[in-house]
C-alpha atoms as a PDB file:
ATOM      1  CA  MET A   1    -198.276-109.186 135.974  1.00  0.00           C
ATOM      2  CA  PRO A   2    -197.881-111.315 139.161  1.00  0.00           C
ATOM      3  CA  MET A   3    -196.888-109.394 142.291  1.00  0.00           C
ATOM      4  CA  PHE A   4    -193.476-111.077 142.578  1.00  0.00           C
ATOM      5  CA  GLU A   5    -192.594-110.242 138.964  1.00  0.00           C
ATOM      6  CA  LEU A   6    -193.695-106.649 139.504  1.00  0.00           C
ATOM      7  CA  ILE A   7    -191.454-106.330 142.559  1.00  0.00           C
ATOM      8  CA  GLU A   8    -188.568-107.878 140.621  1.00  0.00           C
ATOM      9  CA  SER A   9    -189.033-105.354 137.801  1.00  0.00           C
ATOM     10  CA  ILE A  10    -189.151-102.439 140.237  1.00  0.00           C
ATOM     11  CA  SER A  11    -186.061-103.788 142.011  1.00  0.00           C
ATOM     12  CA  ARG A  12    -184.069-104.019 138.785  1.00  0.00           C
ATOM     13  CA  TRP A  13    -185.096-100.490 137.863  1.00  0.00           C
ATOM     14  CA  ALA A  14    -184.081 -99.246 141.332  1.00  0.00           C
ATOM     15  CA  LEU A  15    -180.641-100.855 141.072  1.00  0.00           C
ATOM     16  CA  ASN A  16    -180.124 -99.213 137.700  1.00  0.00           C
ATOM     17  CA  VAL A  17    -181.077 -95.825 139.166  1.00  0.00           C
ATOM     18  CA  ILE A  18    -178.482 -96.258 141.925  1.00  0.00           C
ATOM     19  CA  ASN A  19    -175.809 -97.335 139.449  1.00  0.00           C
ATOM     20  CA  GLN A  20    -176.501 -94.344 137.223  1.00  0.00           C
ATOM     21  CA  SER A  21    -177.242 -91.635 139.801  1.00  0.00           C
ATOM     22  CA  GLY A  22    -175.256 -92.552 142.912  1.00  0.00           C
ATOM     23  CA  TYR A  23    -176.258 -90.884 146.173  1.00  0.00           C
ATOM     24  CA  PHE A  24    -178.958 -88.868 144.402  1.00  0.00           C
ATOM     25  CA  GLY A  25    -180.517 -92.138 143.244  1.00  0.00           C
ATOM     26  CA  ILE A  26    -180.456 -93.507 146.799  1.00  0.00           C
ATOM     27  CA  PHE A  27    -182.111 -90.312 148.018  1.00  0.00           C
ATOM     28  CA  ILE A  28    -184.900 -90.263 145.420  1.00  0.00           C
ATOM     29  CA  LEU A  29    -185.693 -93.974 145.802  1.00  0.00           C
ATOM     30  CA  SER A  30    -185.752 -93.747 149.601  1.00  0.00           C
ATOM     31  CA  VAL A  31    -188.036 -90.696 149.480  1.00  0.00           C
ATOM     32  CA  LEU A  32    -190.460 -92.543 147.206  1.00  0.00           C
ATOM     33  CA  GLU A  33    -190.394 -95.651 149.413  1.00  0.00           C
ATOM     34  CA  SER A  34    -191.290 -93.662 152.527  1.00  0.00           C
ATOM     35  CA  ALA A  35    -194.040 -91.834 150.628  1.00  0.00           C
ATOM     36  CA  ALA A  36    -195.794 -95.208 150.092  1.00  0.00           C
ATOM     37  CA  ILE A  37    -194.521 -95.742 146.535  1.00  0.00           C
ATOM     38  CA  PRO A  38    -193.625 -99.471 146.213  1.00  0.00           C
ATOM     39  CA  ILE A  39    -189.831 -99.150 146.149  1.00  0.00           C
ATOM     40  CA  PRO A  40    -188.277-101.939 148.295  1.00  0.00           C
ATOM     41  CA  SER A  41    -185.760-100.464 150.749  1.00  0.00           C
ATOM     42  CA  GLU A  42    -184.674-104.078 151.360  1.00  0.00           C
ATOM     43  CA  VAL A  43    -183.075-103.877 147.907  1.00  0.00           C
ATOM     44  CA  VAL A  44    -182.012-100.227 147.689  1.00  0.00           C
ATOM     45  CA  VAL A  45    -180.039 -99.942 150.927  1.00  0.00           C
ATOM     46  CA  PRO A  46    -178.307-103.375 150.968  1.00  0.00           C
ATOM     47  CA  PHE A  47    -177.205-102.859 147.353  1.00  0.00           C
ATOM     48  CA  SER A  48    -175.839 -99.450 148.328  1.00  0.00           C
ATOM     49  CA  GLY A  49    -174.039-101.110 151.244  1.00  0.00           C
ATOM     50  CA  PHE A  50    -172.526-103.605 148.812  1.00  0.00           C
ATOM     51  CA  LEU A  51    -171.324-100.735 146.612  1.00  0.00           C
ATOM     52  CA  ALA A  52    -169.786 -99.161 149.728  1.00  0.00           C
ATOM     53  CA  GLN A  53    -167.811-102.378 150.210  1.00  0.00           C
ATOM     54  CA  GLN A  54    -166.611-101.949 146.619  1.00  0.00           C
ATOM     55  CA  SER A  55    -165.458 -98.404 147.552  1.00  0.00           C
ATOM     56  CA  ARG A  56    -167.997 -96.768 145.235  1.00  0.00           C
ATOM     57  CA  PHE A  57    -169.869 -95.212 148.156  1.00  0.00           C
ATOM     58  CA  SER A  58    -169.138 -94.219 151.728  1.00  0.00           C
ATOM     59  CA  PHE A  59    -170.931 -96.627 154.081  1.00  0.00           C
ATOM     60  CA  TYR A  60    -171.912 -93.942 156.577  1.00  0.00           C
ATOM     61  CA  LEU A  61    -172.994 -91.534 153.855  1.00  0.00           C
ATOM     62  CA  VAL A  62    -175.306 -94.229 152.460  1.00  0.00           C
ATOM     63  CA  VAL A  63    -176.935 -94.557 155.890  1.00  0.00           C
ATOM     64  CA  ILE A  64    -177.235 -90.791 156.338  1.00  0.00           C
ATOM     65  CA  VAL A  65    -178.649 -90.153 152.851  1.00  0.00           C
ATOM     66  CA  ALA A  66    -181.199 -92.976 153.176  1.00  0.00           C
ATOM     67  CA  THR A  67    -182.259 -91.785 156.638  1.00  0.00           C
ATOM     68  CA  ILE A  68    -182.729 -88.166 155.540  1.00  0.00           C
ATOM     69  CA  ALA A  69    -184.634 -89.347 152.469  1.00  0.00           C
ATOM     70  CA  ASN A  70    -186.884 -91.605 154.568  1.00  0.00           C
ATOM     71  CA  THR A  71    -187.686 -88.651 156.800  1.00  0.00           C
ATOM     72  CA  VAL A  72    -188.534 -86.450 153.790  1.00  0.00           C
ATOM     73  CA  GLY A  73    -190.770 -89.135 152.257  1.00  0.00           C
ATOM     74  CA  ALA A  74    -192.508 -89.784 155.566  1.00  0.00           C
ATOM     75  CA  PHE A  75    -193.109 -86.038 155.922  1.00  0.00           C
ATOM     76  CA  VAL A  76    -194.828 -85.957 152.515  1.00  0.00           C
ATOM     77  CA  LEU A  77    -197.220 -88.744 153.558  1.00  0.00           C
ATOM     78  CA  TYR A  78    -197.730 -87.129 156.962  1.00  0.00           C
ATOM     79  CA  LEU A  79    -198.551 -83.773 155.337  1.00  0.00           C
ATOM     80  CA  ILE A  80    -201.033 -85.312 152.896  1.00  0.00           C
ATOM     81  CA  SER A  81    -202.809 -87.044 155.781  1.00  0.00           C
ATOM     82  CA  LEU A  82    -202.657 -83.917 157.930  1.00  0.00           C
ATOM     83  CA  LYS A  83    -204.047 -81.538 155.305  1.00  0.00           C
ATOM     84  CA  GLY A  84    -206.529 -83.692 153.432  1.00  0.00           C
ATOM     85  CA  GLY A  85    -206.763 -87.085 155.098  1.00  0.00           C
ATOM     86  CA  ARG A  86    -209.301 -86.267 157.776  1.00  0.00           C
ATOM     87  CA  TRP A  87    -211.724 -84.656 155.318  1.00  0.00           C
ATOM     88  CA  ILE A  88    -211.341 -87.520 152.857  1.00  0.00           C
ATOM     89  CA  LEU A  89    -211.874 -90.161 155.540  1.00  0.00           C
ATOM     90  CA  GLU A  90    -214.874 -88.366 157.030  1.00  0.00           C
ATOM     91  CA  LYS A  91    -216.490 -88.174 153.595  1.00  0.00           C
ATOM     92  CA  TYR A  92    -215.606 -91.622 152.261  1.00  0.00           C
ATOM     93  CA  GLY A  93    -214.617 -93.531 155.400  1.00  0.00           C
ATOM     94  CA  LYS A  94    -218.095 -95.031 155.846  1.00  0.00           C
ATOM     95  CA  TYR A  95    -217.460 -97.166 152.768  1.00  0.00           C
ATOM     96  CA  VAL A  96    -214.561 -98.862 154.574  1.00  0.00           C
ATOM     97  CA  LEU A  97    -216.243 -98.843 157.999  1.00  0.00           C
ATOM     98  CA  ILE A  98    -214.321 -95.878 159.432  1.00  0.00           C
ATOM     99  CA  SER A  99    -216.437 -93.493 161.493  1.00  0.00           C
ATOM    100  CA  SER A 100    -215.727 -90.038 162.916  1.00  0.00           C
ATOM    101  CA  HIS A 101    -215.740 -91.625 166.361  1.00  0.00           C
ATOM    102  CA  GLU A 102    -212.915 -93.959 165.353  1.00  0.00           C
ATOM    103  CA  LEU A 103    -210.939 -91.028 163.937  1.00  0.00           C
ATOM    104  CA  ASP A 104    -211.363 -89.272 167.276  1.00  0.00           C
ATOM    105  CA  LEU A 105    -210.018 -92.366 169.022  1.00  0.00           C
ATOM    106  CA  ALA A 106    -206.987 -92.295 166.725  1.00  0.00           C
ATOM    107  CA  ASP A 107    -206.402 -88.653 167.624  1.00  0.00           C
ATOM    108  CA  ARG A 108    -206.458 -89.459 171.338  1.00  0.00           C
ATOM    109  CA  ALA A 109    -204.249 -92.521 170.904  1.00  0.00           C
ATOM    110  CA  PHE A 110    -201.591 -90.531 169.084  1.00  0.00           C
ATOM    111  CA  PHE A 111    -201.811 -87.725 171.619  1.00  0.00           C
ATOM    112  CA  LYS A 112    -200.838 -90.254 174.274  1.00  0.00           C
ATOM    113  CA  TYR A 113    -198.660 -92.790 172.413  1.00  0.00           C
ATOM    114  CA  GLY A 114    -197.750 -91.056 169.151  1.00  0.00           C
ATOM    115  CA  SER A 115    -193.994 -90.798 169.601  1.00  0.00           C
ATOM    116  CA  LYS A 116    -193.655 -94.448 170.598  1.00  0.00           C
ATOM    117  CA  ILE A 117    -195.844 -95.654 167.737  1.00  0.00           C
ATOM    118  CA  VAL A 118    -193.886 -93.720 165.114  1.00  0.00           C
ATOM    119  CA  PHE A 119    -190.466 -94.708 166.468  1.00  0.00           C
ATOM    120  CA  ILE A 120    -191.278 -98.407 166.783  1.00  0.00           C
ATOM    121  CA  GLY A 121    -193.188 -98.447 163.496  1.00  0.00           C
ATOM    122  CA  ARG A 122    -190.195 -97.135 161.556  1.00  0.00           C
ATOM    123  CA  ILE A 123    -188.169-100.264 162.331  1.00  0.00           C
ATOM    124  CA  LEU A 124    -190.874-102.723 161.221  1.00  0.00           C
ATOM    125  CA  PRO A 125    -191.116-103.889 157.585  1.00  0.00           C
ATOM    126  CA  VAL A 126    -194.199-102.599 155.701  1.00  0.00           C
ATOM    127  CA  VAL A 127    -195.561-100.873 158.835  1.00  0.00           C
ATOM    128  CA  ARG A 128    -192.671 -98.382 158.676  1.00  0.00           C
ATOM    129  CA  THR A 129    -194.063 -96.796 155.523  1.00  0.00           C
ATOM    130  CA  PHE A 130    -197.727 -96.433 156.482  1.00  0.00           C
ATOM    131  CA  ILE A 131    -197.244 -95.296 160.088  1.00  0.00           C
ATOM    132  CA  SER A 132    -197.052 -91.727 158.737  1.00  0.00           C
ATOM    133  CA  ILE A 133    -200.745 -91.803 157.769  1.00  0.00           C
ATOM    134  CA  PRO A 134    -202.289 -92.159 161.253  1.00  0.00           C
ATOM    135  CA  ALA A 135    -199.642 -89.764 162.580  1.00  0.00           C
ATOM    136  CA  GLY A 136    -200.861 -87.121 160.141  1.00  0.00           C
ATOM    137  CA  LEU A 137    -204.520 -87.881 160.806  1.00  0.00           C
ATOM    138  CA  ALA A 138    -203.920 -87.567 164.538  1.00  0.00           C
ATOM    139  CA  ARG A 139    -202.096 -84.256 163.964  1.00  0.00           C
ATOM    140  CA  MET A 140    -199.033 -85.505 165.796  1.00  0.00           C
ATOM    141  CA  ASN A 141    -196.609 -82.762 166.779  1.00  0.00           C
ATOM    142  CA  PHE A 142    -194.484 -82.054 163.700  1.00  0.00           C
ATOM    143  CA  SER A 143    -191.147 -81.787 165.516  1.00  0.00           C
ATOM    144  CA  LYS A 144    -191.713 -85.050 167.364  1.00  0.00           C
ATOM    145  CA  PHE A 145    -192.829 -86.769 164.178  1.00  0.00           C
ATOM    146  CA  ILE A 146    -189.672 -85.724 162.318  1.00  0.00           C
ATOM    147  CA  LEU A 147    -187.419 -86.594 165.264  1.00  0.00           C
ATOM    148  CA  TYR A 148    -188.856 -90.056 165.883  1.00  0.00           C
ATOM    149  CA  THR A 149    -189.092 -90.828 162.178  1.00  0.00           C
ATOM    150  CA  ALA A 150    -185.395 -90.042 161.773  1.00  0.00           C
ATOM    151  CA  LEU A 151    -184.417 -91.939 164.932  1.00  0.00           C
ATOM    152  CA  GLY A 152    -186.425 -94.974 163.840  1.00  0.00           C
ATOM    153  CA  SER A 153    -185.134 -94.881 160.259  1.00  0.00           C
ATOM    154  CA  LEU A 154    -181.468 -94.665 161.275  1.00  0.00           C
ATOM    155  CA  PRO A 155    -181.048 -98.175 162.764  1.00  0.00           C
ATOM    156  CA  TRP A 156    -183.149 -99.689 159.957  1.00  0.00           C
ATOM    157  CA  ASN A 157    -180.895 -98.219 157.280  1.00  0.00           C
ATOM    158  CA  PHE A 158    -177.731 -98.977 159.233  1.00  0.00           C
ATOM    159  CA  ILE A 159    -178.661-102.659 159.542  1.00  0.00           C
ATOM    160  CA  LEU A 160    -179.668-102.985 155.881  1.00  0.00           C
ATOM    161  CA  ALA A 161    -176.504-101.233 154.681  1.00  0.00           C
ATOM    162  CA  LEU A 162    -174.384-103.372 157.014  1.00  0.00           C
ATOM    163  CA  ILE A 163    -175.984-106.539 155.650  1.00  0.00           C
ATOM    164  CA  GLY A 164    -175.126-105.480 152.114  1.00  0.00           C
ATOM    165  CA  PHE A 165    -171.616-104.478 153.149  1.00  0.00           C
ATOM    166  CA  LYS A 166    -170.877-107.757 154.956  1.00  0.00           C
ATOM    167  CA  ALA A 167    -172.642-110.026 152.478  1.00  0.00           C
ATOM    168  CA  GLY A 168    -170.718-108.605 149.527  1.00  0.00           C
ATOM    169  CA  GLU A 169    -171.788-110.076 146.218  1.00  0.00           C
ATOM    170  CA  ASN A 170    -174.317-112.294 148.038  1.00  0.00           C
ATOM    171  CA  TRP A 171    -176.338-109.277 149.201  1.00  0.00           C
ATOM    172  CA  ASN A 172    -179.150-110.059 146.746  1.00  0.00           C
ATOM    173  CA  VAL A 173    -179.696-113.525 148.231  1.00  0.00           C
ATOM    174  CA  LEU A 174    -180.359-111.967 151.627  1.00  0.00           C
ATOM    175  CA  SER A 175    -182.705-109.366 150.140  1.00  0.00           C
ATOM    176  CA  LEU A 176    -184.956-112.195 148.930  1.00  0.00           C
ATOM    177  CA  TYR A 177    -185.501-113.250 152.549  1.00  0.00           C
ATOM    178  CA  PHE A 178    -186.441-109.683 153.477  1.00  0.00           C
ATOM    179  CA  ARG A 179    -189.021-109.583 150.692  1.00  0.00           C
ATOM    180  CA  LYS A 180    -190.505-112.911 151.796  1.00  0.00           C
ATOM    181  CA  PHE A 181    -190.782-111.494 155.303  1.00  0.00           C
ATOM    182  CA  ASP A 182    -192.580-108.464 153.858  1.00  0.00           C
ATOM    183  CA  PHE A 183    -195.167-110.768 152.268  1.00  0.00           C
ATOM    184  CA  VAL A 184    -195.722-112.425 155.667  1.00  0.00           C
ATOM    185  CA  ILE A 185    -196.316-109.037 157.299  1.00  0.00           C
ATOM    186  CA  ILE A 186    -198.660-108.000 154.484  1.00  0.00           C
ATOM    187  CA  GLY A 187    -200.554-111.286 154.852  1.00  0.00           C
ATOM    188  CA  ILE A 188    -200.968-110.763 158.584  1.00  0.00           C
ATOM    189  CA  GLY A 189    -202.120-107.192 157.975  1.00  0.00           C
ATOM    190  CA  LEU A 190    -204.722-108.270 155.420  1.00  0.00           C
ATOM    191  CA  GLY A 191    -205.923-110.973 157.790  1.00  0.00           C
ATOM    192  CA  LEU A 192    -206.430-108.397 160.533  1.00  0.00           C
ATOM    193  CA  VAL A 193    -208.352-106.142 158.150  1.00  0.00           C
ATOM    194  CA  VAL A 194    -210.654-109.017 157.139  1.00  0.00           C
ATOM    195  CA  TRP A 195    -211.166-109.911 160.813  1.00  0.00           C
ATOM    196  CA  TYR A 196    -211.949-106.282 161.647  1.00  0.00           C
ATOM    197  CA  ILE A 197    -214.492-105.932 158.842  1.00  0.00           C
ATOM    198  CA  TYR A 198    -216.161-109.223 159.797  1.00  0.00           C
ATOM    199  CA  SER A 199    -216.348-108.217 163.467  1.00  0.00           C
ATOM    200  CA  HIS A 200    -217.630-104.760 162.569  1.00  0.00           C
ATOM    201  CA  LEU A 201    -220.394-106.117 160.335  1.00  0.00           C
ATOM    202  CA  LYS A 202    -221.323-108.759 162.897  1.00  0.00           C
ATOM    203  CA  GLN A 203    -221.591-106.130 165.634  1.00  0.00           C
ATOM    204  CA  LYS A 204    -223.755-103.914 163.414  1.00  0.00           C
ATOM    205  CA  GLY A 205    -226.005-106.899 162.716  1.00  0.00           C
ATOM    206  CA  LEU A 206    -226.440-107.553 166.438  1.00  0.00           C
ATOM    207  CA  ASN A 207    -227.226-103.882 167.082  1.00  0.00           C
ATOM    208  CA  ASN A 208    -229.914-103.905 164.378  1.00  0.00           C
ATOM    209  CA  GLU A 209    -231.667-106.955 165.811  1.00  0.00           C
END
């Protein structure tokens, strides 16, 4: 199944969950999205904002529920990385060109910039989900991680819910633009990964000469 069709299928399923389960559906979907399960928040929250305009939900409760859920989901990913991520990466990281030295650098970077990275990352499409992984690997202070995750998630959810609320029945048209933007971010990310691997291999080749 092509990626776009897969996302469309997931989106339709997510909308049905919200229609059937209300705030609980918003909570579960937002938890899954922040735990790196491919649930598009660009669909879930704007649709919930639209339903708030129709008086089915409270606008502010939508924002609060989604923000709490994002924090819970991010915590799950953080905990997995904290408890098992380092061991897994040290054992298998060599296959993707990650060394113990680079993990140590990540630890030091998060010790110095962790709070800023998590806060800023939570308001960027795509990045917002995966920022929990390096935070867990770097053993970022738990209280700070939760605080900055919540603070970063709040404006994101407020803006998405407001878009759905103001756009009314046209909310879905706007969500398509968000998803296209996601693909751009993913494309840039993949390009950086390819560049990194190429540079890494090239440097190793020079060192072996």
